Amino acid sequence: MADAVYKKIQVVGTSSESFSDAAAKAVSKVAETEKNLSWFEVVELRGAISDGKITQYQVTVNVGCRVS
């Protein structure tokens, strides 16, 4: 297997449901414009609170795209 080169894109996904859903939405959105997605890594987890309750999950994700 030949060595590969990757482009790394950082995005923040959000969800009112879960961290997992926020990460999935982030990767899905990148897939709309980028080809050859190969991997992702969660860099940061955080959220928003309103009236003492979690109202939004936020996930910073790096997505790796193989460069041809």
C-alpha atoms as a PDB file:
ATOM      1  CA  MET A   1       0.000   0.000   0.000  1.00  0.00           C
ATOM      2  CA  ALA A   2       1.398   3.391  -0.995  1.00  0.00           C
ATOM      3  CA  ASP A   3       1.813   6.146   1.558  1.00  0.00           C
ATOM      4  CA  ALA A   4      -1.037   8.655   1.536  1.00  0.00           C
ATOM      5  CA  VAL A   5      -1.414  12.379   2.160  1.00  0.00           C
ATOM      6  CA  TYR A   6      -4.442  13.758   3.988  1.00  0.00           C
ATOM      7  CA  LYS A   7      -6.146  17.113   4.292  1.00  0.00           C
ATOM      8  CA  LYS A   8      -7.554  17.777   7.761  1.00  0.00           C
ATOM      9  CA  ILE A   9     -10.753  19.798   8.091  1.00  0.00           C
ATOM     10  CA  GLN A  10     -12.041  20.986  11.462  1.00  0.00           C
ATOM     11  CA  VAL A  11     -15.780  21.507  11.942  1.00  0.00           C
ATOM     12  CA  VAL A  12     -18.203  21.814  14.866  1.00  0.00           C
ATOM     13  CA  GLY A  13     -21.360  19.710  14.755  1.00  0.00           C
ATOM     14  CA  THR A  14     -24.365  20.465  16.937  1.00  0.00           C
ATOM     15  CA  SER A  15     -27.371  18.461  18.064  1.00  0.00           C
ATOM     16  CA  SER A  16     -30.195  18.751  20.553  1.00  0.00           C
ATOM     17  CA  GLU A  17     -30.062  14.947  20.976  1.00  0.00           C
ATOM     18  CA  SER A  18     -26.498  13.760  21.788  1.00  0.00           C
ATOM     19  CA  PHE A  19     -22.757  14.155  21.274  1.00  0.00           C
ATOM     20  CA  SER A  20     -22.856  11.154  18.941  1.00  0.00           C
ATOM     21  CA  ASP A  21     -25.522  12.765  16.778  1.00  0.00           C
ATOM     22  CA  ALA A  22     -23.561  16.039  16.667  1.00  0.00           C
ATOM     23  CA  ALA A  23     -20.430  14.193  15.474  1.00  0.00           C
ATOM     24  CA  ALA A  24     -22.405  12.281  12.839  1.00  0.00           C
ATOM     25  CA  LYS A  25     -23.936  15.510  11.535  1.00  0.00           C
ATOM     26  CA  ALA A  26     -20.504  17.132  11.294  1.00  0.00           C
ATOM     27  CA  VAL A  27     -19.034  14.256   9.261  1.00  0.00           C
ATOM     28  CA  SER A  28     -22.136  14.066   7.070  1.00  0.00           C
ATOM     29  CA  LYS A  29     -21.927  17.768   6.243  1.00  0.00           C
ATOM     30  CA  VAL A  30     -18.241  17.530   5.282  1.00  0.00           C
ATOM     31  CA  ALA A  31     -19.095  14.542   3.052  1.00  0.00           C
ATOM     32  CA  GLU A  32     -21.412  16.807   1.011  1.00  0.00           C
ATOM     33  CA  THR A  33     -18.452  18.798  -0.343  1.00  0.00           C
ATOM     34  CA  GLU A  34     -15.334  16.667   0.163  1.00  0.00           C
ATOM     35  CA  LYS A  35     -14.320  13.356  -1.423  1.00  0.00           C
ATOM     36  CA  ASN A  36     -12.239  10.481  -0.062  1.00  0.00           C
ATOM     37  CA  LEU A  37     -13.122  10.864   3.621  1.00  0.00           C
ATOM     38  CA  SER A  38     -10.961   8.437   5.582  1.00  0.00           C
ATOM     39  CA  TRP A  39     -11.127   9.165   9.321  1.00  0.00           C
ATOM     40  CA  PHE A  40     -12.360  11.500  12.019  1.00  0.00           C
ATOM     41  CA  GLU A  41     -11.261  12.435  15.518  1.00  0.00           C
ATOM     42  CA  VAL A  42     -13.238  14.160  18.252  1.00  0.00           C
ATOM     43  CA  VAL A  43     -11.195  17.094  19.526  1.00  0.00           C
ATOM     44  CA  GLU A  44     -13.595  18.719  21.985  1.00  0.00           C
ATOM     45  CA  LEU A  45     -16.969  18.138  23.601  1.00  0.00           C
ATOM     46  CA  ARG A  46     -19.081  20.954  25.003  1.00  0.00           C
ATOM     47  CA  GLY A  47     -22.682  22.067  25.167  1.00  0.00           C
ATOM     48  CA  ALA A  48     -25.170  24.782  25.872  1.00  0.00           C
ATOM     49  CA  ILE A  49     -27.319  25.046  28.999  1.00  0.00           C
ATOM     50  CA  SER A  50     -30.619  26.871  29.431  1.00  0.00           C
ATOM     51  CA  ASP A  51     -32.660  26.954  32.647  1.00  0.00           C
ATOM     52  CA  GLY A  52     -30.353  24.350  34.184  1.00  0.00           C
ATOM     53  CA  LYS A  53     -30.860  21.833  31.370  1.00  0.00           C
ATOM     54  CA  ILE A  54     -28.710  20.772  28.443  1.00  0.00           C
ATOM     55  CA  THR A  55     -30.156  22.296  25.290  1.00  0.00           C
ATOM     56  CA  GLN A  56     -27.416  21.569  22.767  1.00  0.00           C
ATOM     57  CA  TYR A  57     -24.484  19.186  22.347  1.00  0.00           C
ATOM     58  CA  GLN A  58     -21.466  20.521  20.452  1.00  0.00           C
ATOM     59  CA  VAL A  59     -18.586  18.430  19.088  1.00  0.00           C
ATOM     60  CA  THR A  60     -15.431  19.741  17.440  1.00  0.00           C
ATOM     61  CA  VAL A  61     -14.310  17.131  14.903  1.00  0.00           C
ATOM     62  CA  ASN A  62     -11.257  16.865  12.648  1.00  0.00           C
ATOM     63  CA  VAL A  63     -12.079  14.992   9.432  1.00  0.00           C
ATOM     64  CA  GLY A  64      -9.303  13.497   7.299  1.00  0.00           C
ATOM     65  CA  CYS A  65      -9.671  13.494   3.499  1.00  0.00           C
ATOM     66  CA  ARG A  66      -7.202  11.574   1.372  1.00  0.00           C
ATOM     67  CA  VAL A  67      -5.584  13.854  -1.218  1.00  0.00           C
ATOM     68  CA  SER A  68      -5.104  12.275  -4.654  1.00  0.00           C
END
